[in-house]
Amino acid sequence: CIAVGTTAAPGDGHIVPLVESWNGSSWSTQEATDTVAVYGGSNYG
């Protein structure tokens, strides 16, 4: 499974992408850097 949404960025609190994956036994956070273009030094979106 893949779940997507948003979370608050550490430090500045801007909304950034959240990608979680399920492997059949646990969820893990995936890096969203490739999904959202860098904007002003951070991955806002």
Full PDB file with SEQRES, HELIX, SHEET, SSBOND, CRYST1, ORIGX, SCALE, CONECT and MASTER records, all heavy atoms in Angstrom:
SEQRES   1 A   45  CYS ILE ALA VAL GLY THR THR ALA ALA PRO GLY ASP GLY          
SEQRES   2 A   45  HIS ILE VAL PRO LEU VAL GLU SER TRP ASN GLY SER SER          
SEQRES   3 A   45  TRP SER THR GLN GLU ALA THR ASP THR VAL ALA VAL TYR          
SEQRES   4 A   45  GLY GLY SER ASN TYR GLY                                      
SHEET    1 AA1 3 ILE A   2  ALA A   8  0                                        
SHEET    2 AA1 3 ILE A  15  TRP A  22 -1                                        
SHEET    3 AA1 3 TRP A  27  GLN A  30 -1                                        
CRYST1    1.000    1.000    1.000  90.00  90.00  90.00 P 1           1          
ORIGX1      1.000000  0.000000  0.000000        0.00000                         
ORIGX2      0.000000  1.000000  0.000000        0.00000                         
ORIGX3      0.000000  0.000000  1.000000        0.00000                         
SCALE1      1.000000  0.000000  0.000000        0.00000                         
SCALE2      0.000000  1.000000  0.000000        0.00000                         
SCALE3      0.000000  0.000000  1.000000        0.00000                         
ATOM      1  N   CYS A   1       0.852  -1.192   0.000  1.00  0.00           N  
ATOM      2  CA  CYS A   1       0.000   0.000   0.000  1.00  0.00           C  
ATOM      3  C   CYS A   1       0.886   1.238   0.000  1.00  0.00           C  
ATOM      4  O   CYS A   1       1.979   1.224   0.569  1.00  0.00           O  
ATOM      5  CB  CYS A   1      -0.889   0.060   1.244  1.00  0.00           C  
ATOM      6  SG  CYS A   1      -2.171  -1.176   1.330  1.00  0.00           S  
ATOM      7  N   ILE A   2       0.385   2.291  -0.612  1.00  0.00           N  
ATOM      8  CA  ILE A   2       1.010   3.615  -0.541  1.00  0.00           C  
ATOM      9  C   ILE A   2      -0.062   4.581  -0.059  1.00  0.00           C  
ATOM     10  O   ILE A   2      -1.166   4.607  -0.597  1.00  0.00           O  
ATOM     11  CB  ILE A   2       1.555   4.077  -1.901  1.00  0.00           C  
ATOM     12  CG1 ILE A   2       2.654   3.145  -2.417  1.00  0.00           C  
ATOM     13  CG2 ILE A   2       2.058   5.513  -1.832  1.00  0.00           C  
ATOM     14  CD1 ILE A   2       3.942   3.212  -1.627  1.00  0.00           C  
ATOM     15  N   ALA A   3       0.263   5.362   0.964  1.00  0.00           N  
ATOM     16  CA  ALA A   3      -0.631   6.399   1.477  1.00  0.00           C  
ATOM     17  C   ALA A   3       0.083   7.733   1.330  1.00  0.00           C  
ATOM     18  O   ALA A   3       1.294   7.824   1.551  1.00  0.00           O  
ATOM     19  CB  ALA A   3      -0.977   6.137   2.938  1.00  0.00           C  
ATOM     20  N   VAL A   4      -0.653   8.779   0.934  1.00  0.00           N  
ATOM     21  CA  VAL A   4      -0.055  10.100   0.763  1.00  0.00           C  
ATOM     22  C   VAL A   4      -0.870  11.143   1.511  1.00  0.00           C  
ATOM     23  O   VAL A   4      -2.046  10.957   1.788  1.00  0.00           O  
ATOM     24  CB  VAL A   4       0.054  10.500  -0.729  1.00  0.00           C  
ATOM     25  CG1 VAL A   4       0.935   9.528  -1.483  1.00  0.00           C  
ATOM     26  CG2 VAL A   4      -1.309  10.620  -1.378  1.00  0.00           C  
ATOM     27  N   GLY A   5      -0.225  12.248   1.823  1.00  0.00           N  
ATOM     28  CA  GLY A   5      -0.888  13.351   2.509  1.00  0.00           C  
ATOM     29  C   GLY A   5       0.095  14.455   2.801  1.00  0.00           C  
ATOM     30  O   GLY A   5       0.951  14.755   1.970  1.00  0.00           O  
ATOM     31  N   THR A   6      -0.015  15.030   3.987  1.00  0.00           N  
ATOM     32  CA  THR A   6       0.834  16.153   4.370  1.00  0.00           C  
ATOM     33  C   THR A   6       1.280  16.006   5.816  1.00  0.00           C  
ATOM     34  O   THR A   6       0.668  15.309   6.619  1.00  0.00           O  
ATOM     35  CB  THR A   6       0.072  17.485   4.244  1.00  0.00           C  
ATOM     36  OG1 THR A   6      -1.083  17.433   5.088  1.00  0.00           O  
ATOM     37  CG2 THR A   6      -0.350  17.757   2.822  1.00  0.00           C  
ATOM     38  N   THR A   7       2.347  16.711   6.123  1.00  0.00           N  
ATOM     39  CA  THR A   7       2.838  16.820   7.484  1.00  0.00           C  
ATOM     40  C   THR A   7       3.525  18.176   7.628  1.00  0.00           C  
ATOM     41  O   THR A   7       3.747  18.861   6.632  1.00  0.00           O  
ATOM     42  CB  THR A   7       3.791  15.654   7.837  1.00  0.00           C  
ATOM     43  OG1 THR A   7       4.051  15.648   9.234  1.00  0.00           O  
ATOM     44  CG2 THR A   7       5.092  15.733   7.057  1.00  0.00           C  
ATOM     45  N   ALA A   8       3.847  18.569   8.830  1.00  0.00           N  
ATOM     46  CA  ALA A   8       4.540  19.833   9.064  1.00  0.00           C  
ATOM     47  C   ALA A   8       6.046  19.610   8.978  1.00  0.00           C  
ATOM     48  O   ALA A   8       6.571  18.646   9.527  1.00  0.00           O  
ATOM     49  CB  ALA A   8       4.177  20.392  10.431  1.00  0.00           C  
ATOM     50  N   ALA A   9       6.726  20.498   8.249  1.00  0.00           N  
ATOM     51  CA  ALA A   9       8.177  20.409   8.113  1.00  0.00           C  
ATOM     52  C   ALA A   9       8.840  20.738   9.442  1.00  0.00           C  
ATOM     53  O   ALA A   9       8.402  21.655  10.137  1.00  0.00           O  
ATOM     54  CB  ALA A   9       8.659  21.381   7.049  1.00  0.00           C  
ATOM     55  N   PRO A  10       9.877  19.993   9.808  1.00  0.00           N  
ATOM     56  CA  PRO A  10      10.616  20.335  11.022  1.00  0.00           C  
ATOM     57  C   PRO A  10      11.225  21.724  10.886  1.00  0.00           C  
ATOM     58  O   PRO A  10      11.708  22.088   9.828  1.00  0.00           O  
ATOM     59  CB  PRO A  10      11.717  19.271  11.087  1.00  0.00           C  
ATOM     60  CG  PRO A  10      11.360  18.236  10.093  1.00  0.00           C  
ATOM     61  CD  PRO A  10      10.427  18.859   9.107  1.00  0.00           C  
ATOM     62  N   GLY A  11      11.145  22.484  11.918  1.00  0.00           N  
ATOM     63  CA  GLY A  11      11.762  23.811  11.915  1.00  0.00           C  
ATOM     64  C   GLY A  11      10.843  24.931  11.505  1.00  0.00           C  
ATOM     65  O   GLY A  11      10.572  25.814  12.299  1.00  0.00           O  
ATOM     66  N   ASP A  12      10.332  24.898  10.255  1.00  0.00           N  
ATOM     67  CA  ASP A  12       9.538  26.039   9.808  1.00  0.00           C  
ATOM     68  C   ASP A  12       8.038  25.783   9.823  1.00  0.00           C  
ATOM     69  O   ASP A  12       7.258  26.712   9.678  1.00  0.00           O  
ATOM     70  CB  ASP A  12       9.979  26.525   8.425  1.00  0.00           C  
ATOM     71  CG  ASP A  12       9.745  25.512   7.317  1.00  0.00           C  
ATOM     72  OD1 ASP A  12       9.025  24.519   7.525  1.00  0.00           O  
ATOM     73  OD2 ASP A  12      10.298  25.720   6.225  1.00  0.00           O  
ATOM     74  N   GLY A  13       7.601  24.532   9.950  1.00  0.00           N  
ATOM     75  CA  GLY A  13       6.181  24.221  10.070  1.00  0.00           C  
ATOM     76  C   GLY A  13       5.376  24.293   8.784  1.00  0.00           C  
ATOM     77  O   GLY A  13       4.178  24.097   8.797  1.00  0.00           O  
ATOM     78  N   HIS A  14       6.020  24.572   7.633  1.00  0.00           N  
ATOM     79  CA  HIS A  14       5.296  24.595   6.366  1.00  0.00           C  
ATOM     80  C   HIS A  14       4.761  23.198   6.041  1.00  0.00           C  
ATOM     81  O   HIS A  14       5.308  22.191   6.471  1.00  0.00           O  
ATOM     82  CB  HIS A  14       6.198  25.069   5.228  1.00  0.00           C  
ATOM     83  CG  HIS A  14       6.369  26.539   5.192  1.00  0.00           C  
ATOM     84  ND1 HIS A  14       7.428  27.170   5.785  1.00  0.00           N  
ATOM     85  CD2 HIS A  14       5.609  27.500   4.633  1.00  0.00           C  
ATOM     86  CE1 HIS A  14       7.324  28.466   5.598  1.00  0.00           C  
ATOM     87  NE2 HIS A  14       6.228  28.701   4.904  1.00  0.00           N  
ATOM     88  N   ILE A  15       3.719  23.154   5.250  1.00  0.00           N  
ATOM     89  CA  ILE A  15       3.124  21.894   4.828  1.00  0.00           C  
ATOM     90  C   ILE A  15       4.023  21.242   3.780  1.00  0.00           C  
ATOM     91  O   ILE A  15       4.370  21.871   2.779  1.00  0.00           O  
ATOM     92  CB  ILE A  15       1.714  22.119   4.249  1.00  0.00           C  
ATOM     93  CG1 ILE A  15       0.795  22.713   5.313  1.00  0.00           C  
ATOM     94  CG2 ILE A  15       1.128  20.844   3.677  1.00  0.00           C  
ATOM     95  CD1 ILE A  15       0.560  21.832   6.508  1.00  0.00           C  
ATOM     96  N   VAL A  16       4.395  20.001   4.018  1.00  0.00           N  
ATOM     97  CA  VAL A  16       5.233  19.243   3.087  1.00  0.00           C  
ATOM     98  C   VAL A  16       4.573  17.890   2.810  1.00  0.00           C  
ATOM     99  O   VAL A  16       3.736  17.420   3.587  1.00  0.00           O  
ATOM    100  CB  VAL A  16       6.663  19.044   3.634  1.00  0.00           C  
ATOM    101  CG1 VAL A  16       7.382  20.382   3.774  1.00  0.00           C  
ATOM    102  CG2 VAL A  16       6.653  18.298   4.950  1.00  0.00           C  
ATOM    103  N   PRO A  17       4.934  17.251   1.712  1.00  0.00           N  
ATOM    104  CA  PRO A  17       4.330  15.969   1.350  1.00  0.00           C  
ATOM    105  C   PRO A  17       4.682  14.870   2.341  1.00  0.00           C  
ATOM    106  O   PRO A  17       5.761  14.861   2.926  1.00  0.00           O  
ATOM    107  CB  PRO A  17       4.945  15.641  -0.004  1.00  0.00           C  
ATOM    108  CG  PRO A  17       5.614  16.859  -0.473  1.00  0.00           C  
ATOM    109  CD  PRO A  17       5.891  17.699   0.706  1.00  0.00           C  
ATOM    110  N   LEU A  18       3.763  13.930   2.485  1.00  0.00           N  
ATOM    111  CA  LEU A  18       3.981  12.748   3.310  1.00  0.00           C  
ATOM    112  C   LEU A  18       3.660  11.527   2.453  1.00  0.00           C  
ATOM    113  O   LEU A  18       2.600  11.474   1.814  1.00  0.00           O  
ATOM    114  CB  LEU A  18       3.061  12.779   4.535  1.00  0.00           C  
ATOM    115  CG  LEU A  18       3.078  11.538   5.423  1.00  0.00           C  
ATOM    116  CD1 LEU A  18       4.452  11.352   6.066  1.00  0.00           C  
ATOM    117  CD2 LEU A  18       1.995  11.641   6.478  1.00  0.00           C  
ATOM    118  N   VAL A  19       4.585  10.581   2.397  1.00  0.00           N  
ATOM    119  CA  VAL A  19       4.379   9.323   1.682  1.00  0.00           C  
ATOM    120  C   VAL A  19       4.717   8.189   2.632  1.00  0.00           C  
ATOM    121  O   VAL A  19       5.815   8.142   3.191  1.00  0.00           O  
ATOM    122  CB  VAL A  19       5.268   9.224   0.418  1.00  0.00           C  
ATOM    123  CG1 VAL A  19       5.040   7.896  -0.294  1.00  0.00           C  
ATOM    124  CG2 VAL A  19       5.015  10.391  -0.517  1.00  0.00           C  
ATOM    125  N   GLU A  20       3.761   7.301   2.839  1.00  0.00           N  
ATOM    126  CA  GLU A  20       3.950   6.134   3.699  1.00  0.00           C  
ATOM    127  C   GLU A  20       3.737   4.877   2.868  1.00  0.00           C  
ATOM    128  O   GLU A  20       2.879   4.851   1.985  1.00  0.00           O  
ATOM    129  CB  GLU A  20       2.933   6.142   4.848  1.00  0.00           C  
ATOM    130  CG  GLU A  20       3.041   7.317   5.790  1.00  0.00           C  
ATOM    131  CD  GLU A  20       4.073   7.108   6.874  1.00  0.00           C  
ATOM    132  OE1 GLU A  20       4.346   5.951   7.238  1.00  0.00           O  
ATOM    133  OE2 GLU A  20       4.601   8.116   7.367  1.00  0.00           O  
ATOM    134  N   SER A  21       4.504   3.815   3.142  1.00  0.00           N  
ATOM    135  CA  SER A  21       4.307   2.555   2.419  1.00  0.00           C  
ATOM    136  C   SER A  21       4.102   1.409   3.410  1.00  0.00           C  
ATOM    137  O   SER A  21       4.655   1.400   4.505  1.00  0.00           O  
ATOM    138  CB  SER A  21       5.478   2.268   1.489  1.00  0.00           C  
ATOM    139  OG  SER A  21       6.652   2.032   2.227  1.00  0.00           O  
ATOM    140  N   TRP A  22       3.285   0.444   2.999  1.00  0.00           N  
ATOM    141  CA  TRP A  22       2.947  -0.745   3.784  1.00  0.00           C  
ATOM    142  C   TRP A  22       3.548  -1.950   3.071  1.00  0.00           C  
ATOM    143  O   TRP A  22       3.363  -2.129   1.865  1.00  0.00           O  
ATOM    144  CB  TRP A  22       1.435  -0.879   3.882  1.00  0.00           C  
ATOM    145  CG  TRP A  22       0.944  -2.146   4.491  1.00  0.00           C  
ATOM    146  CD1 TRP A  22       0.402  -3.209   3.830  1.00  0.00           C  
ATOM    147  CD2 TRP A  22       0.921  -2.481   5.869  1.00  0.00           C  
ATOM    148  NE1 TRP A  22       0.050  -4.188   4.725  1.00  0.00           N  
ATOM    149  CE2 TRP A  22       0.357  -3.769   5.992  1.00  0.00           C  
ATOM    150  CE3 TRP A  22       1.334  -1.825   7.024  1.00  0.00           C  
ATOM    151  CZ2 TRP A  22       0.190  -4.408   7.213  1.00  0.00           C  
ATOM    152  CZ3 TRP A  22       1.163  -2.457   8.249  1.00  0.00           C  
ATOM    153  CH2 TRP A  22       0.598  -3.723   8.339  1.00  0.00           C  
ATOM    154  N   ASN A  23       4.281  -2.782   3.803  1.00  0.00           N  
ATOM    155  CA  ASN A  23       4.917  -3.950   3.198  1.00  0.00           C  
ATOM    156  C   ASN A  23       4.251  -5.265   3.593  1.00  0.00           C  
ATOM    157  O   ASN A  23       4.795  -6.339   3.361  1.00  0.00           O  
ATOM    158  CB  ASN A  23       6.403  -4.000   3.541  1.00  0.00           C  
ATOM    159  CG  ASN A  23       6.642  -4.178   5.034  1.00  0.00           C  
ATOM    160  OD1 ASN A  23       5.739  -4.474   5.803  1.00  0.00           O  
ATOM    161  ND2 ASN A  23       7.881  -3.992   5.436  1.00  0.00           N  
ATOM    162  N   GLY A  24       3.084  -5.183   4.190  1.00  0.00           N  
ATOM    163  CA  GLY A  24       2.376  -6.375   4.638  1.00  0.00           C  
ATOM    164  C   GLY A  24       2.445  -6.583   6.132  1.00  0.00           C  
ATOM    165  O   GLY A  24       1.648  -7.330   6.699  1.00  0.00           O  
ATOM    166  N   SER A  25       3.416  -5.907   6.787  1.00  0.00           N  
ATOM    167  CA  SER A  25       3.527  -6.056   8.240  1.00  0.00           C  
ATOM    168  C   SER A  25       3.744  -4.737   8.974  1.00  0.00           C  
ATOM    169  O   SER A  25       3.453  -4.647  10.163  1.00  0.00           O  
ATOM    170  CB  SER A  25       4.650  -7.029   8.599  1.00  0.00           C  
ATOM    171  OG  SER A  25       5.892  -6.557   8.123  1.00  0.00           O  
ATOM    172  N   SER A  26       4.258  -3.706   8.289  1.00  0.00           N  
ATOM    173  CA  SER A  26       4.465  -2.420   8.963  1.00  0.00           C  
ATOM    174  C   SER A  26       4.477  -1.281   7.946  1.00  0.00           C  
ATOM    175  O   SER A  26       4.742  -1.475   6.763  1.00  0.00           O  
ATOM    176  CB  SER A  26       5.778  -2.426   9.742  1.00  0.00           C  
ATOM    177  OG  SER A  26       6.875  -2.561   8.869  1.00  0.00           O  
ATOM    178  N   TRP A  27       4.193  -0.072   8.464  1.00  0.00           N  
ATOM    179  CA  TRP A  27       4.233   1.151   7.660  1.00  0.00           C  
ATOM    180  C   TRP A  27       5.598   1.795   7.817  1.00  0.00           C  
ATOM    181  O   TRP A  27       6.191   1.751   8.894  1.00  0.00           O  
ATOM    182  CB  TRP A  27       3.168   2.136   8.133  1.00  0.00           C  
ATOM    183  CG  TRP A  27       1.783   1.745   7.747  1.00  0.00           C  
ATOM    184  CD1 TRP A  27       0.890   1.050   8.515  1.00  0.00           C  
ATOM    185  CD2 TRP A  27       1.125   2.027   6.514  1.00  0.00           C  
ATOM    186  NE1 TRP A  27      -0.284   0.884   7.826  1.00  0.00           N  
ATOM    187  CE2 TRP A  27      -0.175   1.473   6.594  1.00  0.00           C  
ATOM    188  CE3 TRP A  27       1.491   2.686   5.347  1.00  0.00           C  
ATOM    189  CZ2 TRP A  27      -1.092   1.567   5.554  1.00  0.00           C  
ATOM    190  CZ3 TRP A  27       0.584   2.782   4.320  1.00  0.00           C  
ATOM    191  CH2 TRP A  27      -0.696   2.219   4.428  1.00  0.00           C  
ATOM    192  N   SER A  28       6.106   2.434   6.755  1.00  0.00           N  
ATOM    193  CA  SER A  28       7.347   3.195   6.848  1.00  0.00           C  
ATOM    194  C   SER A  28       7.207   4.469   6.024  1.00  0.00           C  
ATOM    195  O   SER A  28       6.495   4.497   5.019  1.00  0.00           O  
ATOM    196  CB  SER A  28       8.538   2.374   6.357  1.00  0.00           C  
ATOM    197  OG  SER A  28       8.376   2.012   5.008  1.00  0.00           O  
ATOM    198  N   THR A  29       7.879   5.525   6.473  1.00  0.00           N  
ATOM    199  CA  THR A  29       7.851   6.799   5.771  1.00  0.00           C  
ATOM    200  C   THR A  29       8.825   6.742   4.609  1.00  0.00           C  
ATOM    201  O   THR A  29       9.947   6.274   4.755  1.00  0.00           O  
ATOM    202  CB  THR A  29       8.235   7.940   6.731  1.00  0.00           C  
ATOM    203  OG1 THR A  29       7.313   7.947   7.811  1.00  0.00           O  
ATOM    204  CG2 THR A  29       8.211   9.281   6.031  1.00  0.00           C  
ATOM    205  N   GLN A  30       8.378   7.235   3.450  1.00  0.00           N  
ATOM    206  CA  GLN A  30       9.205   7.273   2.249  1.00  0.00           C  
ATOM    207  C   GLN A  30       9.604   8.709   1.964  1.00  0.00           C  
ATOM    208  O   GLN A  30       8.849   9.630   2.217  1.00  0.00           O  
ATOM    209  CB  GLN A  30       8.430   6.720   1.045  1.00  0.00           C  
ATOM    210  CG  GLN A  30       7.935   5.309   1.246  1.00  0.00           C  
ATOM    211  CD  GLN A  30       9.073   4.326   1.448  1.00  0.00           C  
ATOM    212  OE1 GLN A  30       9.923   4.187   0.589  1.00  0.00           O  
ATOM    213  NE2 GLN A  30       9.083   3.670   2.583  1.00  0.00           N  
ATOM    214  N   GLU A  31      10.764   8.896   1.405  1.00  0.00           N  
ATOM    215  CA  GLU A  31      11.235  10.220   1.016  1.00  0.00           C  
ATOM    216  C   GLU A  31      10.391  10.741  -0.141  1.00  0.00           C  
ATOM    217  O   GLU A  31      10.179  10.038  -1.121  1.00  0.00           O  
ATOM    218  CB  GLU A  31      12.707  10.156   0.596  1.00  0.00           C  
ATOM    219  CG  GLU A  31      13.300  11.478   0.199  1.00  0.00           C  
ATOM    220  CD  GLU A  31      13.316  12.482   1.325  1.00  0.00           C  
ATOM    221  OE1 GLU A  31      13.716  12.121   2.432  1.00  0.00           O  
ATOM    222  OE2 GLU A  31      12.895  13.629   1.077  1.00  0.00           O  
ATOM    223  N   ALA A  32       9.904  11.963  -0.032  1.00  0.00           N  
ATOM    224  CA  ALA A  32       9.062  12.551  -1.074  1.00  0.00           C  
ATOM    225  C   ALA A  32       9.821  13.557  -1.924  1.00  0.00           C  
ATOM    226  O   ALA A  32       9.230  14.231  -2.741  1.00  0.00           O  
ATOM    227  CB  ALA A  32       7.844  13.222  -0.446  1.00  0.00           C  
ATOM    228  N   THR A  33      11.133  13.642  -1.783  1.00  0.00           N  
ATOM    229  CA  THR A  33      11.925  14.633  -2.505  1.00  0.00           C  
ATOM    230  C   THR A  33      11.758  14.513  -4.004  1.00  0.00           C  
ATOM    231  O   THR A  33      11.681  15.510  -4.710  1.00  0.00           O  
ATOM    232  CB  THR A  33      13.420  14.494  -2.145  1.00  0.00           C  
ATOM    233  OG1 THR A  33      13.547  14.651  -0.746  1.00  0.00           O  
ATOM    234  CG2 THR A  33      14.254  15.531  -2.842  1.00  0.00           C  
ATOM    235  N   ASP A  34      11.695  13.308  -4.536  1.00  0.00           N  
ATOM    236  CA  ASP A  34      11.544  13.136  -5.976  1.00  0.00           C  
ATOM    237  C   ASP A  34      10.135  13.477  -6.442  1.00  0.00           C  
ATOM    238  O   ASP A  34       9.897  13.660  -7.622  1.00  0.00           O  
ATOM    239  CB  ASP A  34      11.865  11.697  -6.388  1.00  0.00           C  
ATOM    240  CG  ASP A  34      13.326  11.369  -6.188  1.00  0.00           C  
ATOM    241  OD1 ASP A  34      14.140  12.313  -6.149  1.00  0.00           O  
ATOM    242  OD2 ASP A  34      13.648  10.187  -6.058  1.00  0.00           O  
ATOM    243  N   THR A  35       9.181  13.531  -5.533  1.00  0.00           N  
ATOM    244  CA  THR A  35       7.788  13.750  -5.900  1.00  0.00           C  
ATOM    245  C   THR A  35       7.435  15.228  -6.009  1.00  0.00           C  
ATOM    246  O   THR A  35       6.651  15.614  -6.851  1.00  0.00           O  
ATOM    247  CB  THR A  35       6.858  13.082  -4.868  1.00  0.00           C  
ATOM    248  OG1 THR A  35       7.249  11.718  -4.746  1.00  0.00           O  
ATOM    249  CG2 THR A  35       5.414  13.155  -5.286  1.00  0.00           C  
ATOM    250  N   VAL A  36       8.012  16.067  -5.177  1.00  0.00           N  
ATOM    251  CA  VAL A  36       7.682  17.496  -5.168  1.00  0.00           C  
ATOM    252  C   VAL A  36       8.947  18.303  -5.396  1.00  0.00           C  
ATOM    253  O   VAL A  36       9.956  18.091  -4.740  1.00  0.00           O  
ATOM    254  CB  VAL A  36       7.028  17.890  -3.824  1.00  0.00           C  
ATOM    255  CG1 VAL A  36       6.798  19.375  -3.762  1.00  0.00           C  
ATOM    256  CG2 VAL A  36       5.723  17.144  -3.648  1.00  0.00           C  
ATOM    257  N   ALA A  37       8.889  19.218  -6.346  1.00  0.00           N  
ATOM    258  CA  ALA A  37      10.063  20.025  -6.693  1.00  0.00           C  
ATOM    259  C   ALA A  37      10.498  20.887  -5.515  1.00  0.00           C  
ATOM    260  O   ALA A  37       9.687  21.342  -4.717  1.00  0.00           O  
ATOM    261  CB  ALA A  37       9.738  20.914  -7.885  1.00  0.00           C  
ATOM    262  N   VAL A  38      11.783  21.106  -5.405  1.00  0.00           N  
ATOM    263  CA  VAL A  38      12.315  21.951  -4.336  1.00  0.00           C  
ATOM    264  C   VAL A  38      11.864  23.383  -4.581  1.00  0.00           C  
ATOM    265  O   VAL A  38      11.988  23.912  -5.671  1.00  0.00           O  
ATOM    266  CB  VAL A  38      13.849  21.866  -4.290  1.00  0.00           C  
ATOM    267  CG1 VAL A  38      14.426  22.860  -3.299  1.00  0.00           C  
ATOM    268  CG2 VAL A  38      14.288  20.456  -3.950  1.00  0.00           C  
ATOM    269  N   TYR A  39      11.301  23.995  -3.550  1.00  0.00           N  
ATOM    270  CA  TYR A  39      10.774  25.357  -3.644  1.00  0.00           C  
ATOM    271  C   TYR A  39      11.329  26.164  -2.484  1.00  0.00           C  
ATOM    272  O   TYR A  39      11.050  25.876  -1.334  1.00  0.00           O  
ATOM    273  CB  TYR A  39       9.250  25.338  -3.593  1.00  0.00           C  
ATOM    274  CG  TYR A  39       8.636  26.701  -3.785  1.00  0.00           C  
ATOM    275  CD1 TYR A  39       8.268  27.145  -5.049  1.00  0.00           C  
ATOM    276  CD2 TYR A  39       8.436  27.548  -2.710  1.00  0.00           C  
ATOM    277  CE1 TYR A  39       7.716  28.392  -5.234  1.00  0.00           C  
ATOM    278  CE2 TYR A  39       7.891  28.803  -2.888  1.00  0.00           C  
ATOM    279  CZ  TYR A  39       7.537  29.214  -4.146  1.00  0.00           C  
ATOM    280  OH  TYR A  39       6.997  30.454  -4.322  1.00  0.00           O  
ATOM    281  N   GLY A  40      12.140  27.145  -2.766  1.00  0.00           N  
ATOM    282  CA  GLY A  40      12.695  28.003  -1.724  1.00  0.00           C  
ATOM    283  C   GLY A  40      13.542  27.250  -0.720  1.00  0.00           C  
ATOM    284  O   GLY A  40      13.599  27.611   0.440  1.00  0.00           O  
ATOM    285  N   GLY A  41      14.187  26.178  -1.153  1.00  0.00           N  
ATOM    286  CA  GLY A  41      15.054  25.421  -0.266  1.00  0.00           C  
ATOM    287  C   GLY A  41      14.348  24.305   0.478  1.00  0.00           C  
ATOM    288  O   GLY A  41      14.981  23.543   1.184  1.00  0.00           O  
ATOM    289  N   SER A  42      13.049  24.192   0.342  1.00  0.00           N  
ATOM    290  CA  SER A  42      12.309  23.132   1.013  1.00  0.00           C  
ATOM    291  C   SER A  42      11.288  22.522   0.066  1.00  0.00           C  
ATOM    292  O   SER A  42      10.934  23.121  -0.942  1.00  0.00           O  
ATOM    293  CB  SER A  42      11.579  23.667   2.253  1.00  0.00           C  
ATOM    294  OG  SER A  42      12.499  24.131   3.198  1.00  0.00           O  
ATOM    295  N   ASN A  43      10.810  21.337   0.393  1.00  0.00           N  
ATOM    296  CA  ASN A  43       9.841  20.631  -0.446  1.00  0.00           C  
ATOM    297  C   ASN A  43       8.414  20.977  -0.036  1.00  0.00           C  
ATOM    298  O   ASN A  43       7.677  20.135   0.440  1.00  0.00           O  
ATOM    299  CB  ASN A  43      10.047  19.127  -0.333  1.00  0.00           C  
ATOM    300  CG  ASN A  43      11.345  18.690  -0.936  1.00  0.00           C  
ATOM    301  OD1 ASN A  43      11.769  19.255  -1.924  1.00  0.00           O  
ATOM    302  ND2 ASN A  43      11.976  17.714  -0.348  1.00  0.00           N  
ATOM    303  N   TYR A  44       8.002  22.222  -0.214  1.00  0.00           N  
ATOM    304  CA  TYR A  44       6.654  22.630   0.149  1.00  0.00           C  
ATOM    305  C   TYR A  44       5.660  22.038  -0.834  1.00  0.00           C  
ATOM    306  O   TYR A  44       5.906  21.996  -2.029  1.00  0.00           O  
ATOM    307  CB  TYR A  44       6.523  24.146   0.145  1.00  0.00           C  
ATOM    308  CG  TYR A  44       7.466  24.838   1.097  1.00  0.00           C  
ATOM    309  CD1 TYR A  44       8.174  25.952   0.692  1.00  0.00           C  
ATOM    310  CD2 TYR A  44       7.644  24.365   2.383  1.00  0.00           C  
ATOM    311  CE1 TYR A  44       9.034  26.592   1.554  1.00  0.00           C  
ATOM    312  CE2 TYR A  44       8.507  24.996   3.249  1.00  0.00           C  
ATOM    313  CZ  TYR A  44       9.200  26.109   2.837  1.00  0.00           C  
ATOM    314  OH  TYR A  44      10.052  26.731   3.697  1.00  0.00           O  
ATOM    315  N   GLY A  45       4.522  21.624  -0.343  1.00  0.00           N  
ATOM    316  CA  GLY A  45       3.500  21.096  -1.221  1.00  0.00           C  
ATOM    317  C   GLY A  45       2.579  20.136  -0.507  1.00  0.00           C  
ATOM    318  O   GLY A  45       2.698  19.898   0.690  1.00  0.00           O  
TER     319      GLY A  45                                                      
MASTER        0    0    0    0    3    0    0    6  318    1    0    4          
END                                                                             
